[in-house]
Amino acid sequence: MIGIEENDENLYEMDKLRLNQVLLNLIANAVKFSNRNSKVTIKCTKLQFRDVSNKHGFQIKVINYGVGIREDELARLF
């Protein structure tokens, strides 16, 4: 799994194909809209939910320093 230690005791159920599509799309856009010499970072953080389920998950961040989305465009997306 991406960014998760092999000896992690927690199991993560996911649609492998969809996760792959989402990650490829995010990474491709980060690279496409970044300057040639800039850096794209992918960070995966393990999460533990604060409820009685004691379930775990993870958060994936794709960080770049590209042009970004204008605030008015972002508002139209949501």
N, C-alpha and C. Protein backbone atom coordinates (compact mmCIF):
# COMPACT_ATOMS: atom_id res chain seq x y z
N MET A 1 0.84 -1.19 0.00
CA MET A 1 0.00 0.00 0.00
C MET A 1 0.87 1.24 0.00
N ILE A 2 0.36 2.28 -0.51
CA ILE A 2 1.12 3.51 -0.68
C ILE A 2 1.37 4.19 0.66
N GLY A 3 2.63 4.33 1.04
CA GLY A 3 3.01 5.10 2.21
C GLY A 3 2.65 4.46 3.54
N ILE A 4 2.26 3.20 3.55
CA ILE A 4 1.90 2.55 4.81
C ILE A 4 2.89 1.42 5.04
N GLU A 5 3.39 1.33 6.27
CA GLU A 5 4.40 0.33 6.58
C GLU A 5 3.85 -1.08 6.35
N GLU A 6 4.69 -1.95 5.86
CA GLU A 6 4.27 -3.32 5.56
C GLU A 6 3.82 -4.07 6.80
N ASN A 7 4.40 -3.77 7.94
CA ASN A 7 4.05 -4.50 9.15
C ASN A 7 2.90 -3.85 9.91
N ASP A 8 2.19 -2.93 9.27
CA ASP A 8 1.05 -2.27 9.89
C ASP A 8 -0.03 -3.32 10.19
N GLU A 9 -0.52 -3.35 11.42
CA GLU A 9 -1.50 -4.35 11.82
C GLU A 9 -2.90 -4.05 11.28
N ASN A 10 -3.14 -2.84 10.83
CA ASN A 10 -4.47 -2.45 10.37
C ASN A 10 -4.64 -2.79 8.89
N LEU A 11 -5.82 -3.26 8.55
CA LEU A 11 -6.14 -3.56 7.16
C LEU A 11 -6.97 -2.43 6.58
N TYR A 12 -6.74 -2.13 5.33
CA TYR A 12 -7.45 -1.07 4.66
C TYR A 12 -8.18 -1.67 3.47
N GLU A 13 -9.50 -1.53 3.47
CA GLU A 13 -10.28 -2.01 2.34
C GLU A 13 -10.55 -0.84 1.42
N MET A 14 -10.31 -1.04 0.13
CA MET A 14 -10.53 0.04 -0.82
C MET A 14 -10.68 -0.55 -2.21
N ASP A 15 -11.22 0.24 -3.09
CA ASP A 15 -11.31 -0.13 -4.49
C ASP A 15 -9.97 0.27 -5.11
N LYS A 16 -9.13 -0.70 -5.35
CA LYS A 16 -7.77 -0.46 -5.82
C LYS A 16 -7.74 0.32 -7.14
N LEU A 17 -8.64 -0.03 -8.06
CA LEU A 17 -8.70 0.65 -9.35
C LEU A 17 -9.05 2.13 -9.19
N ARG A 18 -10.07 2.42 -8.38
CA ARG A 18 -10.50 3.81 -8.17
C ARG A 18 -9.42 4.62 -7.46
N LEU A 19 -8.80 4.02 -6.45
CA LEU A 19 -7.72 4.73 -5.75
C LEU A 19 -6.59 5.05 -6.71
N ASN A 20 -6.24 4.11 -7.56
CA ASN A 20 -5.20 4.33 -8.55
C ASN A 20 -5.57 5.47 -9.50
N GLN A 21 -6.83 5.48 -9.97
CA GLN A 21 -7.29 6.55 -10.86
C GLN A 21 -7.22 7.91 -10.20
N VAL A 22 -7.67 7.99 -8.96
CA VAL A 22 -7.66 9.27 -8.23
C VAL A 22 -6.24 9.76 -8.04
N LEU A 23 -5.35 8.88 -7.59
CA LEU A 23 -3.96 9.28 -7.36
C LEU A 23 -3.27 9.71 -8.65
N LEU A 24 -3.46 8.95 -9.72
CA LEU A 24 -2.85 9.33 -11.00
C LEU A 24 -3.37 10.68 -11.48
N ASN A 25 -4.67 10.94 -11.31
CA ASN A 25 -5.24 12.21 -11.72
C ASN A 25 -4.67 13.37 -10.90
N LEU A 26 -4.62 13.20 -9.58
CA LEU A 26 -4.08 14.25 -8.71
C LEU A 26 -2.61 14.54 -9.01
N ILE A 27 -1.84 13.49 -9.18
CA ILE A 27 -0.41 13.66 -9.45
C ILE A 27 -0.18 14.28 -10.83
N ALA A 28 -0.92 13.80 -11.83
CA ALA A 28 -0.78 14.36 -13.18
C ALA A 28 -1.12 15.85 -13.20
N ASN A 29 -2.20 16.23 -12.51
CA ASN A 29 -2.56 17.65 -12.46
C ASN A 29 -1.53 18.47 -11.70
N ALA A 30 -0.99 17.92 -10.62
CA ALA A 30 0.03 18.64 -9.85
C ALA A 30 1.26 18.90 -10.72
N VAL A 31 1.66 17.90 -11.48
CA VAL A 31 2.83 18.05 -12.36
C VAL A 31 2.51 19.01 -13.51
N LYS A 32 1.35 18.84 -14.10
CA LYS A 32 0.94 19.66 -15.25
C LYS A 32 0.90 21.15 -14.92
N PHE A 33 0.43 21.50 -13.73
CA PHE A 33 0.24 22.90 -13.38
C PHE A 33 1.35 23.45 -12.49
N SER A 34 2.46 22.76 -12.41
CA SER A 34 3.62 23.25 -11.65
C SER A 34 4.69 23.75 -12.61
N ASN A 35 5.51 24.64 -12.12
CA ASN A 35 6.64 25.10 -12.91
C ASN A 35 7.62 23.95 -13.12
N ARG A 36 8.40 24.05 -14.17
CA ARG A 36 9.32 22.97 -14.54
C ARG A 36 10.26 22.55 -13.40
N ASN A 37 10.78 23.47 -12.65
CA ASN A 37 11.76 23.14 -11.60
C ASN A 37 11.16 23.06 -10.21
N SER A 38 9.84 23.05 -10.10
CA SER A 38 9.23 23.00 -8.76
C SER A 38 9.06 21.56 -8.30
N LYS A 39 8.69 21.41 -7.05
CA LYS A 39 8.61 20.09 -6.43
C LYS A 39 7.14 19.70 -6.21
N VAL A 40 6.82 18.43 -6.43
CA VAL A 40 5.51 17.87 -6.11
C VAL A 40 5.75 16.85 -5.00
N THR A 41 4.99 16.97 -3.92
CA THR A 41 5.15 16.09 -2.77
C THR A 41 3.87 15.29 -2.56
N ILE A 42 4.02 14.00 -2.28
CA ILE A 42 2.89 13.14 -1.96
C ILE A 42 3.09 12.67 -0.53
N LYS A 43 2.10 12.94 0.32
CA LYS A 43 2.23 12.61 1.73
C LYS A 43 1.05 11.74 2.16
N CYS A 44 1.34 10.64 2.80
CA CYS A 44 0.31 9.73 3.30
C CYS A 44 0.42 9.68 4.82
N THR A 45 -0.70 9.96 5.49
CA THR A 45 -0.73 9.99 6.95
C THR A 45 -1.76 8.99 7.47
N LYS A 46 -1.36 8.18 8.42
CA LYS A 46 -2.27 7.22 9.03
C LYS A 46 -3.17 7.98 10.01
N LEU A 47 -4.48 7.68 9.99
CA LEU A 47 -5.44 8.34 10.86
C LEU A 47 -6.12 7.33 11.76
N GLN A 48 -6.48 7.78 12.95
CA GLN A 48 -7.33 6.97 13.83
C GLN A 48 -8.55 7.81 14.15
N PHE A 49 -9.71 7.30 13.82
CA PHE A 49 -10.93 8.06 14.02
C PHE A 49 -11.27 8.14 15.50
N ARG A 50 -11.80 9.27 15.90
CA ARG A 50 -12.11 9.51 17.32
C ARG A 50 -13.57 9.16 17.63
N ASP A 51 -13.94 7.94 17.39
CA ASP A 51 -15.27 7.49 17.77
C ASP A 51 -15.15 6.10 18.38
N VAL A 52 -16.24 5.52 18.72
CA VAL A 52 -16.21 4.23 19.41
C VAL A 52 -15.77 3.08 18.52
N SER A 53 -15.74 3.30 17.20
CA SER A 53 -15.38 2.22 16.28
C SER A 53 -13.89 1.88 16.34
N ASN A 54 -13.06 2.83 16.76
CA ASN A 54 -11.61 2.63 16.83
C ASN A 54 -11.03 2.24 15.47
N LYS A 55 -11.69 2.69 14.39
CA LYS A 55 -11.22 2.37 13.04
C LYS A 55 -10.05 3.27 12.65
N HIS A 56 -9.32 2.81 11.68
CA HIS A 56 -8.19 3.55 11.15
C HIS A 56 -8.42 3.85 9.67
N GLY A 57 -7.74 4.82 9.19
CA GLY A 57 -7.78 5.16 7.77
C GLY A 57 -6.50 5.88 7.42
N PHE A 58 -6.48 6.50 6.27
CA PHE A 58 -5.32 7.29 5.92
C PHE A 58 -5.73 8.46 5.05
N GLN A 59 -4.90 9.49 5.08
CA GLN A 59 -5.12 10.70 4.31
C GLN A 59 -3.95 10.85 3.35
N ILE A 60 -4.27 11.11 2.09
CA ILE A 60 -3.23 11.32 1.09
C ILE A 60 -3.30 12.77 0.63
N LYS A 61 -2.17 13.45 0.67
CA LYS A 61 -2.08 14.83 0.20
C LYS A 61 -1.10 14.90 -0.96
N VAL A 62 -1.51 15.59 -2.01
CA VAL A 62 -0.62 15.89 -3.12
C VAL A 62 -0.37 17.39 -3.04
N ILE A 63 0.87 17.76 -2.81
CA ILE A 63 1.22 19.16 -2.57
C ILE A 63 2.10 19.66 -3.71
N ASN A 64 1.69 20.78 -4.29
CA ASN A 64 2.52 21.39 -5.32
C ASN A 64 2.42 22.91 -5.21
N TYR A 65 3.23 23.58 -5.96
CA TYR A 65 3.26 25.04 -5.92
C TYR A 65 2.95 25.60 -7.29
N GLY A 66 1.91 25.04 -7.90
CA GLY A 66 1.48 25.46 -9.23
C GLY A 66 0.58 26.68 -9.16
N VAL A 67 -0.10 26.95 -10.26
CA VAL A 67 -0.95 28.14 -10.35
C VAL A 67 -2.19 28.02 -9.49
N GLY A 68 -2.64 26.82 -9.19
CA GLY A 68 -3.80 26.62 -8.33
C GLY A 68 -5.11 26.93 -9.03
N ILE A 69 -6.17 26.89 -8.25
CA ILE A 69 -7.51 27.16 -8.76
C ILE A 69 -7.98 28.48 -8.17
N ARG A 70 -8.46 29.36 -9.04
CA ARG A 70 -8.97 30.64 -8.55
C ARG A 70 -10.17 30.40 -7.64
N GLU A 71 -10.39 31.30 -6.69
CA GLU A 71 -11.46 31.14 -5.71
C GLU A 71 -12.83 31.03 -6.38
N ASP A 72 -13.08 31.82 -7.43
CA ASP A 72 -14.37 31.75 -8.11
C ASP A 72 -14.56 30.43 -8.83
N GLU A 73 -13.50 29.84 -9.35
CA GLU A 73 -13.59 28.52 -9.99
C GLU A 73 -13.84 27.44 -8.96
N LEU A 74 -13.19 27.55 -7.81
CA LEU A 74 -13.36 26.59 -6.74
C LEU A 74 -14.79 26.57 -6.25
N ALA A 75 -15.40 27.75 -6.13
CA ALA A 75 -16.79 27.85 -5.65
C ALA A 75 -17.74 27.13 -6.60
N ARG A 76 -17.46 27.14 -7.90
CA ARG A 76 -18.32 26.46 -8.87
C ARG A 76 -18.23 24.94 -8.76
N LEU A 77 -17.12 24.44 -8.25
CA LEU A 77 -16.95 23.00 -8.12
C LEU A 77 -17.79 22.40 -7.00
N PHE A 78 -18.08 23.22 -6.00
CA PHE A 78 -18.82 22.71 -4.83
C PHE A 78 -20.10 23.42 -4.73
